[in-house]
Protein backbone atom coordinates (compact mmCIF):
# COMPACT_ATOMS: atom_id res chain seq x y z
CA MET A 1 -5.19 33.53 26.89
CA LYS A 2 -3.06 30.69 28.31
CA GLN A 3 -6.07 29.17 30.05
CA ILE A 4 -8.16 29.32 26.87
CA LEU A 5 -5.43 27.53 24.85
CA VAL A 6 -4.96 24.81 27.47
CA SER A 7 -8.71 24.34 27.91
CA THR A 8 -9.26 24.10 24.14
CA ALA A 9 -6.34 21.68 23.73
CA TYR A 10 -7.65 19.54 26.60
CA LYS A 11 -11.15 19.36 25.06
CA LEU A 12 -9.77 18.41 21.64
CA GLU A 13 -7.41 15.81 23.09
CA HIS A 14 -10.17 14.12 25.09
CA SER A 15 -12.92 14.44 22.49
CA LYS A 16 -13.45 10.95 21.07
CA ARG A 17 -15.45 12.29 18.13
CA TYR A 18 -12.73 14.80 17.20
CA GLN A 19 -9.90 12.26 17.50
CA LYS A 20 -11.86 9.61 15.63
CA THR A 21 -12.73 12.04 12.83
CA LYS A 22 -9.14 13.24 12.51
CA ALA A 23 -7.79 9.68 12.49
CA PHE A 24 -10.36 8.71 9.83
CA VAL A 25 -9.47 11.68 7.60
CA ASN A 26 -5.73 11.05 8.00
CA ASP A 27 -6.20 7.36 7.22
CA ILE A 28 -8.31 7.90 4.13
CA LEU A 29 -5.89 10.54 2.76
CA ASN A 30 -2.57 8.86 3.52
CA ASN A 31 -3.06 5.15 4.18
CA SER A 32 -2.90 3.20 0.92
CA ASN A 33 -4.35 0.15 2.71
CA ASN A 34 -7.58 1.96 3.57
CA PRO A 35 -10.34 0.29 1.47
CA TYR A 36 -12.02 3.67 0.80
CA LYS A 37 -8.87 5.54 -0.28
CA LYS A 38 -9.02 4.20 -3.83
CA TYR A 39 -12.48 5.75 -4.27
CA VAL A 40 -11.19 9.11 -3.01
CA ASP A 41 -8.21 8.89 -5.37
CA MET A 42 -10.40 7.94 -8.33
CA SER A 43 -12.74 10.88 -7.59
CA ILE A 44 -9.83 13.35 -7.45
CA ILE A 45 -8.36 11.96 -10.68
CA PHE A 46 -11.77 12.36 -12.37
CA LEU A 47 -11.99 15.99 -11.21
CA ILE A 48 -8.47 16.70 -12.53
CA ILE A 49 -9.14 15.13 -15.94
CA SER A 50 -12.54 16.81 -16.35
CA SER A 51 -11.13 20.22 -15.36
CA VAL A 52 -8.27 19.97 -17.87
CA ALA A 53 -10.71 18.73 -20.54
CA ILE A 54 -12.88 21.82 -20.00
CA LEU A 55 -9.80 24.07 -20.32
CA ILE A 56 -8.85 22.43 -23.63
CA TYR A 57 -12.42 22.54 -24.97
CA GLU A 58 -12.97 26.22 -24.19
CA VAL A 59 -9.92 27.30 -26.22
CA LYS A 60 -12.02 27.23 -29.42
CA ASN A 61 -15.55 26.56 -28.16
CA PRO A 62 -17.90 28.34 -25.76
CA ILE A 63 -18.62 26.16 -22.73
CA PRO A 64 -22.01 25.82 -21.01
CA ARG A 65 -22.54 27.87 -17.87
CA TRP A 66 -22.91 24.72 -15.73
CA ALA A 67 -19.49 23.47 -16.89
CA ASP A 68 -17.95 26.85 -16.03
CA TYR A 69 -19.51 26.80 -12.56
CA TYR A 70 -18.48 23.17 -12.08
CA ASP A 71 -14.86 23.97 -12.93
CA ILE A 72 -14.58 27.33 -11.17
CA TYR A 73 -16.46 26.57 -7.97
CA PHE A 74 -17.07 22.87 -7.39
CA VAL A 75 -13.68 21.47 -8.43
CA SER A 76 -11.78 24.31 -6.76
CA LEU A 77 -13.84 23.91 -3.59
CA VAL A 78 -13.08 20.18 -3.42
CA PHE A 79 -9.36 20.88 -3.88
CA LEU A 80 -9.49 23.62 -1.25
CA VAL A 81 -11.16 21.28 1.25
CA GLU A 82 -8.60 18.56 0.49
CA TYR A 83 -5.73 21.05 0.93
CA LEU A 84 -7.05 22.27 4.28
CA LEU A 85 -7.69 18.71 5.50
CA ARG A 86 -4.11 17.71 4.69
CA ILE A 87 -2.80 20.68 6.67
CA TRP A 88 -5.13 19.80 9.55
CA VAL A 89 -4.07 16.16 9.89
CA PHE A 90 -0.35 16.80 9.28
CA ASN A 91 0.30 17.28 13.01
CA ASP A 92 -1.56 17.89 16.28
CA ILE A 93 -0.87 21.24 17.95
CA SER A 94 -3.15 20.42 20.90
CA LYS A 95 -0.85 17.53 21.90
CA GLU A 96 2.16 19.84 21.80
CA ILE A 97 0.40 22.39 24.02
CA LEU A 98 -0.71 19.77 26.57
CA GLN A 99 2.72 18.16 26.67
CA GLU A 100 4.37 21.55 27.31
CA TYR A 101 1.75 22.41 29.93
CA ASN A 102 2.16 19.08 31.79
CA GLU A 103 5.94 19.41 31.79
CA ALA A 104 5.70 22.97 33.16
CA GLU A 105 3.29 21.85 35.89
CA PHE A 106 5.52 18.93 36.86
CA LEU A 107 8.64 21.09 37.05
CA ASN A 108 6.81 23.94 38.78
CA GLN A 109 7.67 26.34 35.97
CA GLU A 110 5.71 29.02 34.17
CA PHE A 111 3.82 27.72 31.16
CA THR A 112 4.54 29.56 27.90
CA PRO A 113 2.06 28.50 25.19
CA TRP A 114 3.90 30.28 22.39
CA THR A 115 6.68 27.67 22.24
CA PRO A 116 4.46 24.66 21.37
CA LEU A 117 2.18 26.87 19.27
CA LYS A 118 5.15 28.18 17.28
CA LYS A 119 6.54 24.67 16.88
CA GLY A 120 3.21 23.26 15.64
CA LEU A 121 2.60 26.14 13.22
CA SER A 122 6.17 25.98 11.89
CA GLU A 123 5.68 22.26 11.18
CA LYS A 124 2.49 23.03 9.26
CA LEU A 125 4.29 25.83 7.39
CA GLY A 126 7.10 23.42 6.56
CA TYR A 127 4.55 21.04 5.06
CA MET A 128 2.92 23.90 3.11
CA LEU A 129 6.29 24.69 1.51
CA THR A 130 6.81 21.13 0.24
CA PRO A 131 6.45 20.70 -3.56
CA THR A 132 3.29 18.57 -3.31
CA ALA A 133 1.58 21.07 -0.99
CA ILE A 134 2.54 24.00 -3.27
CA ILE A 135 1.05 22.15 -6.25
CA ASP A 136 -2.14 21.50 -4.22
CA LEU A 137 -2.34 25.23 -3.43
CA LEU A 138 -1.75 26.42 -7.00
CA ALA A 139 -4.36 23.95 -8.25
CA ILE A 140 -7.00 25.91 -6.29
CA PHE A 141 -6.30 29.23 -8.02
CA PRO A 142 -8.62 28.68 -11.03
CA ALA A 143 -11.40 29.74 -8.66
CA TYR A 144 -10.23 33.29 -9.53
CA ARG A 145 -10.52 32.83 -13.28
CA PRO A 146 -12.22 36.11 -14.24
CA ILE A 147 -8.62 37.08 -15.12
CA ARG A 148 -8.04 34.86 -18.12
CA ILE A 149 -4.30 34.44 -17.63
CA LEU A 150 -4.96 32.67 -14.31
CA ARG A 151 -6.61 29.83 -16.21
CA ILE A 152 -3.15 28.48 -16.89
CA PHE A 153 -3.13 27.41 -13.23
CA VAL A 154 -5.47 24.60 -14.26
CA LEU A 155 -2.34 22.88 -15.55
CA PHE A 156 -1.12 22.57 -11.96
CA ARG A 157 -4.00 20.17 -11.46
CA VAL A 158 -2.22 17.81 -13.83
CA PHE A 159 0.73 17.75 -11.41
CA LYS A 160 -1.66 16.56 -8.69
CA LEU A 161 -1.72 13.27 -10.58
CA LEU A 162 1.78 12.70 -9.16
CA ARG A 163 0.16 12.14 -5.78
CA TYR A 164 -2.77 10.02 -6.95
CA THR A 165 -1.26 7.99 -9.80
CA LYS A 166 0.91 5.28 -8.28
CA SER A 167 2.92 4.51 -11.43
CA ILE A 168 3.98 8.14 -11.87
CA LYS A 169 4.72 8.40 -8.16
CA GLN A 170 6.94 5.31 -8.29
CA PHE A 171 8.72 6.69 -11.37
CA MET A 172 9.48 9.92 -9.51
CA GLU A 173 10.72 7.96 -6.49
CA VAL A 174 13.10 5.99 -8.71
CA LEU A 175 14.47 9.23 -10.18
CA ALA A 176 14.76 10.74 -6.69
CA ASN A 177 17.06 7.87 -5.69
CA LYS A 178 19.43 8.96 -8.47
CA ARG A 179 19.13 12.69 -7.84
CA PHE A 180 22.88 13.12 -7.22
CA GLU A 181 23.80 11.68 -10.63
CA LEU A 182 20.98 13.54 -12.40
CA LEU A 183 21.83 16.87 -10.71
CA THR A 184 25.49 16.42 -11.66
CA LEU A 185 24.41 15.81 -15.26
CA LEU A 186 22.12 18.87 -15.14
CA PHE A 187 24.90 21.18 -13.92
CA LEU A 188 27.23 19.82 -16.59
CA LEU A 189 24.54 20.42 -19.21
CA MET A 190 24.04 24.00 -18.03
CA PHE A 191 27.79 24.61 -18.09
CA VAL A 192 28.19 23.32 -21.68
CA VAL A 193 25.09 25.22 -22.90
CA MET A 194 26.24 28.47 -21.27
CA THR A 195 29.80 28.11 -22.58
CA ALA A 196 28.75 27.21 -26.13
CA GLY A 197 26.01 29.87 -26.22
CA ILE A 198 28.32 32.66 -25.05
CA ALA A 199 31.06 31.55 -27.48
CA LEU A 200 28.67 31.58 -30.45
CA TYR A 201 27.24 34.95 -29.39
CA VAL A 202 30.72 36.50 -29.24
CA LEU A 203 31.79 34.96 -32.55
CA GLU A 204 28.68 35.48 -34.69
CA GLU A 205 26.49 38.20 -33.18
CA GLN A 206 27.70 40.68 -35.82
CA ILE A 207 27.70 38.15 -38.67
CA ASN A 208 24.75 35.77 -38.19
CA PRO A 209 21.39 37.46 -38.99
CA ASN A 210 19.51 34.89 -36.83
CA ILE A 211 21.41 35.73 -33.63
CA ASN A 212 20.22 39.04 -32.20
CA SER A 213 20.72 38.39 -28.49
CA LEU A 214 22.43 36.11 -25.99
CA PHE A 215 19.11 34.32 -25.51
CA ASP A 216 19.14 33.31 -29.22
CA SER A 217 22.57 31.74 -28.88
CA LEU A 218 21.65 29.94 -25.65
CA TYR A 219 18.48 28.64 -27.34
CA TRP A 220 20.61 27.36 -30.24
CA ALA A 221 23.04 25.65 -27.85
CA LEU A 222 20.26 23.86 -25.94
CA VAL A 223 18.50 22.72 -29.11
CA THR A 224 21.78 21.48 -30.58
CA ILE A 225 23.06 19.64 -27.49
CA SER A 226 19.72 17.84 -27.24
CA THR A 227 20.29 16.65 -30.84
CA VAL A 228 16.88 18.06 -31.82
CA GLY A 229 18.27 20.64 -34.26
CA TYR A 230 15.31 22.70 -35.46
CA GLY A 231 17.51 24.46 -38.03
CA ASP A 232 16.06 27.95 -37.45
CA ILE A 233 19.47 29.07 -36.11
CA SER A 234 22.73 27.65 -37.42
CA PRO A 235 26.35 28.86 -37.27
CA VAL A 236 27.85 30.50 -40.37
CA THR A 237 31.53 30.57 -39.37
CA HIS A 238 34.01 27.72 -39.15
CA GLU A 239 34.53 28.41 -35.47
CA GLY A 240 30.79 28.25 -34.83
CA ARG A 241 30.52 24.93 -36.68
CA VAL A 242 33.38 23.48 -34.62
CA ILE A 243 31.45 24.50 -31.49
CA SER A 244 28.37 22.76 -32.95
CA MET A 245 30.28 19.52 -33.47
CA MET A 246 31.65 19.62 -29.94
CA ILE A 247 28.30 20.12 -28.24
CA ILE A 248 26.61 17.52 -30.46
CA ILE A 249 29.15 14.95 -29.26
CA SER A 250 28.64 16.22 -25.68
CA GLY A 251 24.87 15.88 -26.11
CA ILE A 252 25.12 12.28 -27.29
CA ALA A 253 27.36 11.45 -24.31
CA MET A 254 25.00 13.14 -21.84
CA ILE A 255 21.91 11.44 -23.26
CA SER A 256 23.69 8.07 -23.04
CA PHE A 257 24.73 8.81 -19.46
CA ALA A 258 21.21 9.91 -18.44
CA THR A 259 19.71 6.80 -20.06
CA SER A 260 22.15 4.50 -18.26
CA VAL A 261 21.42 6.22 -14.91
CA ILE A 262 17.66 5.81 -15.32
CA VAL A 263 17.95 2.20 -16.55
CA SER A 264 20.23 1.27 -13.64
CA ALA A 265 17.83 2.95 -11.19
CA PHE A 266 14.92 0.91 -12.51
CA SER A 267 17.01 -2.28 -12.55
CA GLU A 268 17.82 -1.77 -8.87
CA LYS A 269 14.20 -1.04 -7.96
CA LEU A 270 12.46 -3.46 -10.35
CA GLY A 271 12.39 -6.35 -7.89
CA GLU A 272 11.13 -4.11 -5.10
CA LEU A 273 8.45 -2.59 -7.35
CA LYS A 274 7.23 -6.07 -8.37
CA GLU A 275 7.07 -7.17 -4.75
CA ASN A 276 5.17 -4.04 -3.75
CA ARG A 277 2.66 -4.67 -6.54
CA VAL A 278 2.12 -8.25 -5.34
CA ILE A 279 1.64 -7.05 -1.74
CA GLU A 280 -0.73 -4.26 -2.81
CA GLN A 281 -2.77 -6.73 -4.81
CA ILE A 282 -3.17 -9.20 -1.96
CA ASN A 283 -3.89 -6.40 0.54
CA LYS A 284 -7.10 -5.74 -1.38
CA SER A 285 -8.42 -9.15 -0.28
CA GLU A 286 -10.60 -9.42 2.79
CA GLU A 287 -8.94 -12.70 3.75
CA PHE A 288 -5.58 -14.17 2.76
CA LEU A 289 -2.72 -16.44 3.83
CA ILE A 290 0.91 -15.50 4.42
CA ILE A 291 2.99 -18.64 3.96
CA CYS A 292 6.39 -18.16 5.59
CA GLY A 293 8.96 -20.45 4.00
CA TYR A 294 8.89 -22.56 0.85
CA GLY A 295 9.84 -26.04 2.02
CA GLN A 296 8.34 -29.49 1.80
CA LEU A 297 5.32 -28.64 4.01
CA SER A 298 4.54 -25.52 1.94
CA LYS A 299 4.70 -27.51 -1.29
CA MET A 300 2.43 -30.21 0.11
CA PHE A 301 -0.11 -27.64 1.31
CA LEU A 302 -0.16 -25.73 -1.96
CA ARG A 303 -0.63 -28.92 -3.97
CA GLN A 304 -3.59 -29.94 -1.79
CA ALA A 305 -5.17 -26.46 -1.53
CA ASP A 306 -7.45 -25.00 -4.12
CA LYS A 307 -5.36 -22.12 -5.50
CA ALA A 308 -8.41 -20.47 -7.00
CA PHE A 309 -10.03 -20.32 -3.56
CA TYR A 310 -7.13 -19.22 -1.35
CA ASN A 311 -5.58 -15.76 -1.60
CA TYR A 312 -1.99 -16.32 -0.50
CA ILE A 313 1.56 -15.06 -0.72
CA ILE A 314 4.80 -16.91 0.03
CA LEU A 315 7.58 -15.13 1.94
CA GLU A 316 10.97 -16.78 1.55
CA LYS A 317 14.40 -15.24 2.26
CA ASP A 318 16.33 -17.74 0.11
CA PRO A 319 16.43 -16.33 -3.47
CA GLU A 320 16.85 -19.80 -5.01
CA ARG A 321 13.71 -21.07 -3.28
CA VAL A 322 11.83 -17.93 -4.35
CA SER A 323 12.81 -18.58 -7.98
CA GLN A 324 11.71 -22.21 -7.64
CA ALA A 325 8.35 -21.19 -6.14
CA ILE A 326 7.74 -18.77 -9.01
CA LYS A 327 8.69 -21.49 -11.53
CA ASP A 328 6.20 -23.80 -9.80
CA GLY A 329 3.49 -21.22 -10.46
CA TYR A 330 3.07 -19.72 -6.98
CA ASN A 331 3.02 -16.11 -5.75
CA ALA A 332 6.31 -15.67 -3.92
CA ILE A 333 8.56 -12.77 -2.95
CA GLU A 334 12.01 -12.62 -1.38
CA ASP A 335 11.56 -11.32 2.16
CA ASP A 336 12.34 -12.32 5.74
CA ALA A 337 9.06 -12.89 7.59
CA SER A 338 10.85 -12.96 10.95
CA LYS A 339 11.57 -9.22 10.62
CA HIS A 340 8.99 -6.78 11.93
CA ASP A 341 9.24 -4.48 8.89
CA THR A 342 8.14 -7.31 6.59
CA LEU A 343 4.75 -8.08 8.14
CA VAL A 344 4.03 -4.35 8.61
CA LYS A 345 3.52 -4.12 4.84
CA PHE A 346 0.34 -6.18 5.04
CA ASN A 347 -3.15 -4.86 5.70
CA VAL A 348 -3.56 -6.19 9.23
CA GLU A 349 -6.27 -3.66 10.10
CA TYR A 350 -8.80 -4.35 7.35
CA SER A 351 -8.11 -7.99 6.37
CA ASN A 352 -8.43 -11.36 8.08
CA ILE A 353 -4.90 -12.75 7.91
CA THR A 354 -3.66 -16.26 8.62
CA VAL A 355 0.10 -16.70 8.96
CA LEU A 356 1.51 -20.16 8.28
CA CYS A 357 4.94 -20.45 9.95
CA LEU A 358 6.44 -23.26 7.90
CA ALA A 359 10.15 -22.36 8.05
CA ASN A 360 12.59 -25.16 8.81
CA SER A 361 13.84 -23.49 12.00
CA ASP A 362 11.74 -23.47 15.21
CA ILE A 363 13.45 -20.24 16.32
CA GLU A 364 12.53 -18.52 13.07
CA ASN A 365 8.92 -19.69 13.37
CA ILE A 366 8.75 -18.33 16.95
CA TYR A 367 10.08 -14.96 15.78
CA ILE A 368 7.46 -14.87 13.01
CA THR A 369 4.75 -15.69 15.56
CA LEU A 370 5.91 -12.93 17.90
CA ASN A 371 6.04 -10.37 15.09
CA ALA A 372 2.58 -11.30 13.83
CA LYS A 373 0.99 -11.11 17.28
CA SER A 374 2.76 -7.82 18.06
CA LEU A 375 1.10 -6.31 14.99
CA SER A 376 -2.41 -7.57 15.77
CA ARG A 377 -3.89 -10.16 18.08
CA LYS A 378 -6.48 -10.81 15.35
CA ILE A 379 -3.90 -12.49 13.12
CA ASN A 380 -4.39 -16.26 13.16
CA VAL A 381 -0.97 -17.92 13.48
CA ILE A 382 -0.44 -21.60 12.62
CA ALA A 383 3.13 -22.66 13.42
CA ARG A 384 5.18 -25.73 12.64
CA ALA A 385 7.17 -27.23 15.56
CA SER A 386 9.84 -29.89 15.27
CA ASP A 387 8.77 -31.80 18.41
CA SER A 388 6.45 -31.63 21.42
CA SER A 389 9.10 -29.98 23.63
CA MET A 390 8.65 -26.76 21.60
CA VAL A 391 4.87 -26.57 22.01
CA SER A 392 4.98 -24.55 25.26
CA LYS A 393 7.36 -22.01 23.69
CA PHE A 394 5.04 -21.51 20.71
CA GLU A 395 2.07 -21.13 23.04
CA ARG A 396 3.86 -18.42 25.03
CA ALA A 397 4.73 -16.68 21.74
CA GLY A 398 0.99 -16.56 20.95
CA ALA A 399 0.55 -19.24 18.25
CA ASP A 400 -3.12 -20.18 17.79
CA HIS A 401 -2.40 -23.65 16.41
CA ILE A 402 0.78 -25.72 16.51
CA LEU A 403 1.59 -28.41 13.95
CA LEU A 404 3.74 -31.43 14.82
CA PRO A 405 4.35 -33.03 11.40
CA ASN A 406 6.71 -35.70 12.76
CA SER A 407 4.28 -36.79 15.50
CA VAL A 408 1.34 -36.83 13.06
CA ALA A 409 3.36 -38.83 10.50
CA ASN A 410 4.37 -41.36 13.16
CA ALA A 411 0.75 -41.69 14.36
CA MET A 412 -0.53 -42.17 10.81
CA LEU A 413 2.18 -44.75 10.14
CA LEU A 414 1.27 -46.68 13.27
CA THR A 415 -2.43 -46.48 12.35
CA ALA A 416 -1.72 -47.76 8.83
CA ILE A 417 0.03 -50.79 10.30
CA SER A 418 -2.27 -51.62 13.22
CA ASN A 419 -5.66 -50.30 11.95
CA PRO A 420 -5.55 -50.21 8.15
CA VAL A 421 -9.31 -49.60 7.76
CA MET A 422 -9.19 -46.64 10.15
CA TYR A 423 -6.19 -45.29 8.23
CA LYS A 424 -8.09 -45.52 4.94
CA ALA A 425 -11.05 -43.67 6.45
CA ILE A 426 -8.89 -40.90 7.93
CA HIS A 427 -6.90 -40.56 4.72
CA SER A 428 -10.10 -40.38 2.68
CA ILE A 429 -11.52 -37.67 4.96
CA LEU A 430 -8.37 -35.55 4.91
CA THR A 431 -7.55 -35.84 1.20
CA GLY A 432 -11.13 -35.77 -0.06
CA ARG A 433 -12.02 -32.50 1.71
CA MET A 434 -15.01 -34.17 3.36
CA ILE A 435 -14.80 -32.07 6.55
CA ASP A 436 -15.57 -28.36 6.55
CA GLU A 437 -16.12 -25.52 9.02
CA VAL A 438 -19.27 -23.41 8.88
CA THR A 439 -19.19 -20.14 10.83
CA VAL A 440 -22.49 -18.73 12.09
CA TYR A 441 -22.88 -15.06 11.20
CA GLU A 442 -25.35 -12.57 12.61
CA ASN A 443 -27.83 -12.59 9.73
CA ASP A 444 -27.57 -16.29 8.89
CA LYS A 445 -30.59 -18.58 9.09
CA LEU A 446 -28.60 -20.74 11.51
CA ALA A 447 -28.37 -17.98 14.15
CA GLY A 448 -30.92 -18.51 16.94
CA LYS A 449 -31.80 -22.08 15.92
CA MET A 450 -31.42 -25.07 18.20
CA ILE A 451 -29.23 -27.87 16.88
CA LYS A 452 -32.18 -30.26 16.71
CA GLU A 453 -33.98 -27.80 14.38
CA VAL A 454 -31.24 -28.18 11.76
CA ASP A 455 -31.75 -31.40 9.83
CA PHE A 456 -28.18 -32.41 9.03
CA ARG A 457 -29.19 -35.96 8.10
CA GLU A 458 -31.55 -34.70 5.39
CA LYS A 459 -28.64 -32.77 3.85
CA ARG A 460 -26.56 -36.00 4.02
CA LEU A 461 -24.14 -34.46 6.53
CA LEU A 462 -22.68 -35.68 9.79
CA PHE A 463 -22.59 -33.03 12.54
CA ILE A 464 -19.40 -33.63 14.56
CA GLY A 465 -19.34 -30.76 17.02
CA ILE A 466 -19.11 -27.05 17.69
CA GLN A 467 -16.43 -24.53 18.66
CA ARG A 468 -17.82 -21.67 20.75
CA GLY A 469 -15.17 -18.99 21.25
CA ARG A 470 -11.47 -19.37 20.64
CA GLU A 471 -10.56 -20.08 24.25
CA ASN A 472 -13.24 -22.70 24.93
CA ALA A 473 -12.79 -26.42 24.31
CA PHE A 474 -14.29 -28.06 21.24
CA ILE A 475 -17.69 -29.65 22.05
CA PHE A 476 -18.26 -33.07 20.47
CA ASN A 477 -21.88 -34.04 19.81
CA PRO A 478 -23.45 -31.16 21.80
CA ALA A 479 -26.97 -31.32 23.28
CA PRO A 480 -29.80 -31.01 20.71
CA GLU A 481 -31.28 -28.11 22.70
CA MET A 482 -28.11 -26.01 22.33
CA VAL A 483 -28.87 -22.70 20.56
CA LEU A 484 -26.51 -21.59 17.81
CA LYS A 485 -25.07 -18.10 18.26
CA LYS A 486 -23.12 -15.62 16.18
CA GLY A 487 -19.46 -16.70 15.99
CA ASP A 488 -20.08 -20.42 16.53
CA ILE A 489 -18.13 -22.72 14.22
CA LEU A 490 -19.83 -25.97 13.19
CA LEU A 491 -17.71 -28.94 12.09
CA LEU A 492 -19.53 -30.98 9.44
CA MET A 493 -18.55 -34.05 7.47
CA GLY A 494 -19.89 -35.09 4.09
CA ILE A 495 -19.15 -34.94 0.39
CA GLN A 496 -18.38 -31.53 -1.09
CA LEU A 497 -21.73 -31.38 -2.91
CA SER A 498 -23.65 -31.75 0.36
CA LEU A 499 -21.45 -29.19 2.13
CA ASN A 500 -21.93 -26.60 -0.64
CA HIS A 501 -25.69 -27.24 -0.67
CA PHE A 502 -25.90 -26.73 3.10
CA LYS A 503 -24.02 -23.41 2.89
CA LYS A 504 -26.24 -22.22 0.06
CA ILE A 505 -29.43 -22.89 2.05
CA TYR A 506 -28.38 -21.53 5.44
CA ARG A 507 -25.74 -18.93 4.57
CA GLY A 508 -26.61 -17.61 1.16
CA GLY A 509 -23.62 -19.33 -0.42
CA ARG A 510 -21.04 -17.31 1.49
């Protein structure tokens, strides 16, 4: 038995297909950044709404057989599969077994498979006893609907919306943060209702024709303290009316307290919720910029850039600068980009991200660079350095490009004085967006062509050079016989009309 468990665990642990499938299922169920998760969530929400709609419709109308089969079998089967998949990906028992086995082998001890097996199963059982898992389980029960009373379990499918509707989920999280205050209020409410209900029952059970049991008096107390007051039960003695006045005042105080607790909870979380919405929105983009710091360089870049073209977000830890950026019409949130937890929020796996390190401090920019590269080497980092002595430090941190604004400004100033015509040309090129990069993709018409086969002059463009691979040097005026390959980046100069026309012809306007 031990050998079978170890052998099975070893096969599962080293099966690439199994591990890849499990990782994919876990990602699509639990990772909000997965591009396919929204389609899964929308499908589940549709099944929930359609199932509840069928339940409501069949109260007074006969439903078609196909709708009955759809609700009883198809919807329940989908929910059953989802429930089992969530249990499957919650933890990995095979890893626990192999870890225990390797430790036993290393220490020359007897391997007991029941310890890791028990631990793994207890973890899965713990998950199955969580409120969300219980709701998922109860939502499957309508598959046994020949007993009509079990159809009420369809309502548990509504509670599944808590998992798939982000607004409701965030509302519940806000309330969970104030659970101590709300539980205290609940216990106080129960105490007042019980006390008032028992008092009225003792005082008026023999006198009041509407009070026949303790439940009637408790019902009256709850309705009264909530200030609803249906009027079906009311006290007939002076003592009972005094109790009514007392619990009405208590009810008003409790409602005010509950309202203030909820309002304060939302006030505390409102900024965080807004920031999360902004991050979620930008994470849906395939390509975006993270601008770290809102200083003079950031302002200059944002004024020059086409805001309709760039997807971007500004991260700034100074609240005054964040407020100013928002007033200026930019997407900005208060966060410290030099902290690892900040950049983790972004979709580094599925999006092409460029990080602009434009903080005033070189040390802060280096920390941002290190954090970005530790998350993914694919992130393109452009960092600002105060002087050339910092370049080597940024290179060791992993920065792809290093800006030296002071050196560039000095060079431009010298050029303006000594070579004014050259300065005008350079300034015209940079400010007029007359230079553009064209990446060669696999299915482009450019792929496989020699440079001489592409008539740049006819398109009124000047071909400057080509970048082949990130590590290689830029090639100025390459040989005409050079064949363009996937991943090559062409540097072209011309007016924007010519550049757009070239892209439309050779790249389908991408």
